[in-house]
Amino acid sequence: MSKPDLIVIGALAGAHGVRGDAKVKPFGDPTQLTAYGPFLDEAGEVLLTPAGAKPGPNGLSIVWFKERRSREEMQTLKGTLLHAPRAALPAPDEDEFYHADLIGLAVESLEGEPLGAVKAVQDFGAGDLLEITTPDGTLFIPFTKATVPHIDLDAGKLVAIPPVDGGETQADEDGGASGSSL
């Protein structure tokens, strides 16, 4: 059996209360968190079935489940990634991408020179960064139109403008640094 096409939609952030509810960090629209069906593990097996949700503190959602779990059981699941089938999610708009679609893309310079491959999409609080594995190590590039002007999912590649010495990108030096986030 082949691995299902899953998208990470959130992560369990710990127990909430004493009845087995959980705090969940949504990775998309928090109002839609429970609309995609059961929360699945990375193998596509049902982990928990949300029965409802409400906004919680600090961007978290408080979710309760059809399955009854103790507070201790929920706390042991802290950090667990929650997946949903791609087919249950809406298609992204133009110039929007699921992070999973970017992982593994080849990265080229404007001149077509290979730079590496996308390893992950990170957000350390200041916006999305592409983590790129290069022959020389790891490179982080802001995920903006100015630094990633072209993405071709069908061809499996994207064009990026890597940083020059001092951490600024060539786009910064050329005056194009204020591009909007993708």
C-alpha atoms as a PDB file:
ATOM      1  CA  MET A   1       0.000   0.000   0.000  1.00  0.00           C
ATOM      2  CA  SER A   2       1.383   3.430  -0.899  1.00  0.00           C
ATOM      3  CA  LYS A   3       1.781   6.231   1.611  1.00  0.00           C
ATOM      4  CA  PRO A   4      -1.231   8.594   1.550  1.00  0.00           C
ATOM      5  CA  ASP A   5      -0.790  12.170   0.316  1.00  0.00           C
ATOM      6  CA  LEU A   6      -0.942  14.042   3.614  1.00  0.00           C
ATOM      7  CA  ILE A   7      -0.466  17.669   4.627  1.00  0.00           C
ATOM      8  CA  VAL A   8       0.535  18.727   8.154  1.00  0.00           C
ATOM      9  CA  ILE A   9      -2.256  20.970   9.468  1.00  0.00           C
ATOM     10  CA  GLY A  10      -1.128  21.484  13.055  1.00  0.00           C
ATOM     11  CA  ALA A  11       0.670  20.163  16.106  1.00  0.00           C
ATOM     12  CA  LEU A  12      -0.556  19.167  19.527  1.00  0.00           C
ATOM     13  CA  ALA A  13       0.742  21.744  21.994  1.00  0.00           C
ATOM     14  CA  GLY A  14      -0.288  19.918  25.169  1.00  0.00           C
ATOM     15  CA  ALA A  15      -3.273  19.084  27.304  1.00  0.00           C
ATOM     16  CA  HIS A  16      -5.978  21.616  28.171  1.00  0.00           C
ATOM     17  CA  GLY A  17      -8.004  21.098  31.310  1.00  0.00           C
ATOM     18  CA  VAL A  18      -8.697  17.726  32.898  1.00  0.00           C
ATOM     19  CA  ARG A  19     -11.157  16.179  30.394  1.00  0.00           C
ATOM     20  CA  GLY A  20      -8.741  15.220  27.626  1.00  0.00           C
ATOM     21  CA  ASP A  21      -9.008  18.391  25.556  1.00  0.00           C
ATOM     22  CA  ALA A  22      -5.860  19.641  23.843  1.00  0.00           C
ATOM     23  CA  LYS A  23      -4.164  22.838  22.786  1.00  0.00           C
ATOM     24  CA  VAL A  24      -3.381  22.699  19.077  1.00  0.00           C
ATOM     25  CA  LYS A  25      -1.114  24.993  17.092  1.00  0.00           C
ATOM     26  CA  PRO A  26      -2.848  25.307  13.703  1.00  0.00           C
ATOM     27  CA  PHE A  27      -0.617  25.690  10.636  1.00  0.00           C
ATOM     28  CA  GLY A  28      -3.371  27.273   8.571  1.00  0.00           C
ATOM     29  CA  ASP A  29      -6.758  28.873   9.129  1.00  0.00           C
ATOM     30  CA  PRO A  30      -7.646  28.009  12.748  1.00  0.00           C
ATOM     31  CA  THR A  31     -11.363  28.251  11.990  1.00  0.00           C
ATOM     32  CA  GLN A  32     -10.984  25.352   9.545  1.00  0.00           C
ATOM     33  CA  LEU A  33      -8.834  23.122  11.771  1.00  0.00           C
ATOM     34  CA  THR A  34     -11.607  20.622  12.480  1.00  0.00           C
ATOM     35  CA  ALA A  35     -13.180  20.778   8.994  1.00  0.00           C
ATOM     36  CA  TYR A  36     -10.749  18.340   7.352  1.00  0.00           C
ATOM     37  CA  GLY A  37     -11.877  15.211   9.181  1.00  0.00           C
ATOM     38  CA  PRO A  38      -9.951  13.147  11.703  1.00  0.00           C
ATOM     39  CA  PHE A  39      -6.411  14.113  12.656  1.00  0.00           C
ATOM     40  CA  LEU A  40      -4.087  11.525  11.132  1.00  0.00           C
ATOM     41  CA  ASP A  41      -0.557  10.468  12.025  1.00  0.00           C
ATOM     42  CA  GLU A  42       2.230  10.470   9.425  1.00  0.00           C
ATOM     43  CA  ALA A  43       1.205   6.989   8.233  1.00  0.00           C
ATOM     44  CA  GLY A  44      -2.377   8.090   7.588  1.00  0.00           C
ATOM     45  CA  GLU A  45      -3.862   6.303  10.613  1.00  0.00           C
ATOM     46  CA  VAL A  46      -6.544   8.079  12.652  1.00  0.00           C
ATOM     47  CA  LEU A  47      -4.960   9.620  15.729  1.00  0.00           C
ATOM     48  CA  LEU A  48      -7.874  11.687  17.078  1.00  0.00           C
ATOM     49  CA  THR A  49     -11.268  12.773  15.784  1.00  0.00           C
ATOM     50  CA  PRO A  50     -12.037  16.407  16.605  1.00  0.00           C
ATOM     51  CA  ALA A  51     -15.551  17.070  17.859  1.00  0.00           C
ATOM     52  CA  GLY A  52     -15.161  20.834  18.091  1.00  0.00           C
ATOM     53  CA  ALA A  53     -12.757  23.690  18.679  1.00  0.00           C
ATOM     54  CA  LYS A  54     -12.585  27.220  20.010  1.00  0.00           C
ATOM     55  CA  PRO A  55      -9.909  29.911  19.938  1.00  0.00           C
ATOM     56  CA  GLY A  56      -7.297  29.627  22.656  1.00  0.00           C
ATOM     57  CA  PRO A  57      -4.460  31.814  23.914  1.00  0.00           C
ATOM     58  CA  ASN A  58      -1.472  32.878  21.821  1.00  0.00           C
ATOM     59  CA  GLY A  59      -2.847  31.688  18.477  1.00  0.00           C
ATOM     60  CA  LEU A  60      -3.615  28.186  19.727  1.00  0.00           C
ATOM     61  CA  SER A  61      -6.928  26.396  19.368  1.00  0.00           C
ATOM     62  CA  ILE A  62      -8.586  24.390  22.123  1.00  0.00           C
ATOM     63  CA  VAL A  63      -9.895  21.144  20.616  1.00  0.00           C
ATOM     64  CA  TRP A  64     -12.065  18.421  22.138  1.00  0.00           C
ATOM     65  CA  PHE A  65     -12.355  14.951  20.678  1.00  0.00           C
ATOM     66  CA  LYS A  66     -14.814  12.114  20.154  1.00  0.00           C
ATOM     67  CA  GLU A  67     -12.270   9.771  21.724  1.00  0.00           C
ATOM     68  CA  ARG A  68     -11.988  10.173  25.477  1.00  0.00           C
ATOM     69  CA  ARG A  69      -8.377  10.561  26.584  1.00  0.00           C
ATOM     70  CA  SER A  70      -7.001  11.569  29.954  1.00  0.00           C
ATOM     71  CA  ARG A  71      -5.054  14.750  30.520  1.00  0.00           C
ATOM     72  CA  GLU A  72      -1.928  12.634  30.964  1.00  0.00           C
ATOM     73  CA  GLU A  73      -2.472  10.843  27.637  1.00  0.00           C
ATOM     74  CA  MET A  74      -2.907  14.179  25.861  1.00  0.00           C
ATOM     75  CA  GLN A  75       0.207  15.566  27.486  1.00  0.00           C
ATOM     76  CA  THR A  76       2.251  12.596  26.188  1.00  0.00           C
ATOM     77  CA  LEU A  77       1.133  13.518  22.644  1.00  0.00           C
ATOM     78  CA  LYS A  78       2.582  17.042  22.938  1.00  0.00           C
ATOM     79  CA  GLY A  79       4.542  17.865  19.768  1.00  0.00           C
ATOM     80  CA  THR A  80       2.715  15.308  17.628  1.00  0.00           C
ATOM     81  CA  LEU A  81       2.118  16.569  14.094  1.00  0.00           C
ATOM     82  CA  LEU A  82      -1.464  16.369  12.873  1.00  0.00           C
ATOM     83  CA  HIS A  83      -2.079  15.472   9.237  1.00  0.00           C
ATOM     84  CA  ALA A  84      -5.058  15.602   6.886  1.00  0.00           C
ATOM     85  CA  PRO A  85      -5.473  14.146   3.402  1.00  0.00           C
ATOM     86  CA  ARG A  86      -4.564  16.635   0.685  1.00  0.00           C
ATOM     87  CA  ALA A  87      -7.937  15.919  -0.957  1.00  0.00           C
ATOM     88  CA  ALA A  88      -9.744  17.285   2.139  1.00  0.00           C
ATOM     89  CA  LEU A  89      -7.924  20.635   1.944  1.00  0.00           C
ATOM     90  CA  PRO A  90      -8.767  23.515  -0.369  1.00  0.00           C
ATOM     91  CA  ALA A  91      -6.577  24.059  -3.402  1.00  0.00           C
ATOM     92  CA  PRO A  92      -4.092  26.847  -2.741  1.00  0.00           C
ATOM     93  CA  ASP A  93      -4.653  30.164  -4.497  1.00  0.00           C
ATOM     94  CA  GLU A  94      -2.255  31.461  -7.118  1.00  0.00           C
ATOM     95  CA  ASP A  95       1.107  32.253  -5.475  1.00  0.00           C
ATOM     96  CA  GLU A  96       0.186  30.134  -2.435  1.00  0.00           C
ATOM     97  CA  PHE A  97       1.792  26.798  -1.694  1.00  0.00           C
ATOM     98  CA  TYR A  98       1.554  24.046   0.839  1.00  0.00           C
ATOM     99  CA  HIS A  99       4.939  23.692   2.505  1.00  0.00           C
ATOM    100  CA  ALA A 100       4.894  20.007   1.594  1.00  0.00           C
ATOM    101  CA  ASP A 101       4.880  20.986  -2.103  1.00  0.00           C
ATOM    102  CA  LEU A 102       8.107  22.953  -1.699  1.00  0.00           C
ATOM    103  CA  ILE A 103      10.110  20.286   0.144  1.00  0.00           C
ATOM    104  CA  GLY A 104      12.530  18.603  -2.245  1.00  0.00           C
ATOM    105  CA  LEU A 105      12.314  21.194  -5.027  1.00  0.00           C
ATOM    106  CA  ALA A 106      15.589  21.877  -6.801  1.00  0.00           C
ATOM    107  CA  VAL A 107      16.842  25.430  -6.258  1.00  0.00           C
ATOM    108  CA  GLU A 108      18.513  27.376  -9.057  1.00  0.00           C
ATOM    109  CA  SER A 109      19.993  30.857  -9.335  1.00  0.00           C
ATOM    110  CA  LEU A 110      18.630  33.423 -11.777  1.00  0.00           C
ATOM    111  CA  GLU A 111      21.342  32.239 -14.171  1.00  0.00           C
ATOM    112  CA  GLY A 112      20.143  28.618 -13.915  1.00  0.00           C
ATOM    113  CA  GLU A 113      23.042  27.415 -11.757  1.00  0.00           C
ATOM    114  CA  PRO A 114      22.059  24.699  -9.260  1.00  0.00           C
ATOM    115  CA  LEU A 115      22.143  25.901  -5.643  1.00  0.00           C
ATOM    116  CA  GLY A 116      20.699  22.882  -3.816  1.00  0.00           C
ATOM    117  CA  ALA A 117      17.295  21.607  -2.726  1.00  0.00           C
ATOM    118  CA  VAL A 118      14.594  22.805  -0.339  1.00  0.00           C
ATOM    119  CA  LYS A 119      14.915  20.843   2.896  1.00  0.00           C
ATOM    120  CA  ALA A 120      12.231  22.634   4.945  1.00  0.00           C
ATOM    121  CA  VAL A 121      10.165  25.786   5.317  1.00  0.00           C
ATOM    122  CA  GLN A 122      10.900  27.436   8.660  1.00  0.00           C
ATOM    123  CA  ASP A 123       9.283  30.319  10.523  1.00  0.00           C
ATOM    124  CA  PHE A 124      11.264  31.625  13.468  1.00  0.00           C
ATOM    125  CA  GLY A 125       8.863  34.534  13.966  1.00  0.00           C
ATOM    126  CA  ALA A 126       9.822  36.937  11.193  1.00  0.00           C
ATOM    127  CA  GLY A 127       8.214  35.172   8.231  1.00  0.00           C
ATOM    128  CA  ASP A 128       8.812  32.022   6.235  1.00  0.00           C
ATOM    129  CA  LEU A 129      12.358  31.009   5.338  1.00  0.00           C
ATOM    130  CA  LEU A 130      13.353  28.328   2.870  1.00  0.00           C
ATOM    131  CA  GLU A 131      15.975  26.030   4.357  1.00  0.00           C
ATOM    132  CA  ILE A 132      18.105  24.912   1.439  1.00  0.00           C
ATOM    133  CA  THR A 133      20.644  22.112   1.523  1.00  0.00           C
ATOM    134  CA  THR A 134      23.642  23.101  -0.598  1.00  0.00           C
ATOM    135  CA  PRO A 135      26.932  21.325  -1.345  1.00  0.00           C
ATOM    136  CA  ASP A 136      28.535  23.727   1.165  1.00  0.00           C
ATOM    137  CA  GLY A 137      25.980  23.306   3.967  1.00  0.00           C
ATOM    138  CA  THR A 138      22.684  25.000   4.735  1.00  0.00           C
ATOM    139  CA  LEU A 139      21.352  28.259   3.332  1.00  0.00           C
ATOM    140  CA  PHE A 140      18.292  30.188   4.530  1.00  0.00           C
ATOM    141  CA  ILE A 141      16.447  32.429   2.074  1.00  0.00           C
ATOM    142  CA  PRO A 142      13.424  34.590   2.940  1.00  0.00           C
ATOM    143  CA  PHE A 143      10.378  33.170   1.184  1.00  0.00           C
ATOM    144  CA  THR A 144       9.293  36.346  -0.610  1.00  0.00           C
ATOM    145  CA  LYS A 145       8.650  37.218  -4.244  1.00  0.00           C
ATOM    146  CA  ALA A 146      11.816  39.325  -4.211  1.00  0.00           C
ATOM    147  CA  THR A 147      14.054  36.408  -3.240  1.00  0.00           C
ATOM    148  CA  VAL A 148      12.054  33.554  -4.810  1.00  0.00           C
ATOM    149  CA  PRO A 149      10.727  35.089  -8.023  1.00  0.00           C
ATOM    150  CA  HIS A 150       9.711  31.836  -9.756  1.00  0.00           C
ATOM    151  CA  ILE A 151       8.323  28.476  -8.599  1.00  0.00           C
ATOM    152  CA  ASP A 152       7.546  25.686 -11.051  1.00  0.00           C
ATOM    153  CA  LEU A 153       6.016  22.754  -9.175  1.00  0.00           C
ATOM    154  CA  ASP A 154       5.535  20.769 -12.396  1.00  0.00           C
ATOM    155  CA  ALA A 155       9.246  21.050 -13.209  1.00  0.00           C
ATOM    156  CA  GLY A 156      10.197  20.436  -9.571  1.00  0.00           C
ATOM    157  CA  LYS A 157      12.273  23.585  -9.161  1.00  0.00           C
ATOM    158  CA  LEU A 158      12.324  27.164  -8.011  1.00  0.00           C
ATOM    159  CA  VAL A 159      14.530  30.149  -8.750  1.00  0.00           C
ATOM    160  CA  ALA A 160      16.075  31.885  -5.753  1.00  0.00           C
ATOM    161  CA  ILE A 161      18.308  34.862  -5.234  1.00  0.00           C
ATOM    162  CA  PRO A 162      20.798  33.761  -2.560  1.00  0.00           C
ATOM    163  CA  PRO A 163      22.248  36.123   0.031  1.00  0.00           C
ATOM    164  CA  VAL A 164      25.566  37.797  -0.661  1.00  0.00           C
ATOM    165  CA  ASP A 165      28.164  38.588   2.009  1.00  0.00           C
ATOM    166  CA  GLY A 166      26.561  40.406   4.907  1.00  0.00           C
ATOM    167  CA  GLY A 167      23.321  38.410   4.672  1.00  0.00           C
ATOM    168  CA  GLU A 168      21.526  40.673   2.196  1.00  0.00           C
ATOM    169  CA  THR A 169      20.249  39.134  -0.999  1.00  0.00           C
ATOM    170  CA  GLN A 170      21.093  40.338  -4.463  1.00  0.00           C
ATOM    171  CA  ALA A 171      17.482  41.573  -4.581  1.00  0.00           C
ATOM    172  CA  ASP A 172      18.251  43.786  -1.556  1.00  0.00           C
ATOM    173  CA  GLU A 173      21.278  45.266  -3.310  1.00  0.00           C
ATOM    174  CA  ASP A 174      19.293  45.846  -6.483  1.00  0.00           C
ATOM    175  CA  GLY A 175      16.561  47.673  -4.562  1.00  0.00           C
ATOM    176  CA  GLY A 176      13.935  44.934  -4.832  1.00  0.00           C
ATOM    177  CA  ALA A 177      13.907  43.848  -1.185  1.00  0.00           C
ATOM    178  CA  SER A 178      10.359  44.768  -0.237  1.00  0.00           C
ATOM    179  CA  GLY A 179       8.569  41.949  -2.060  1.00  0.00           C
ATOM    180  CA  SER A 180       5.481  40.521  -0.468  1.00  0.00           C
ATOM    181  CA  SER A 181       5.469  37.203   1.312  1.00  0.00           C
ATOM    182  CA  LEU A 182       4.146  34.239  -0.623  1.00  0.00           C
END
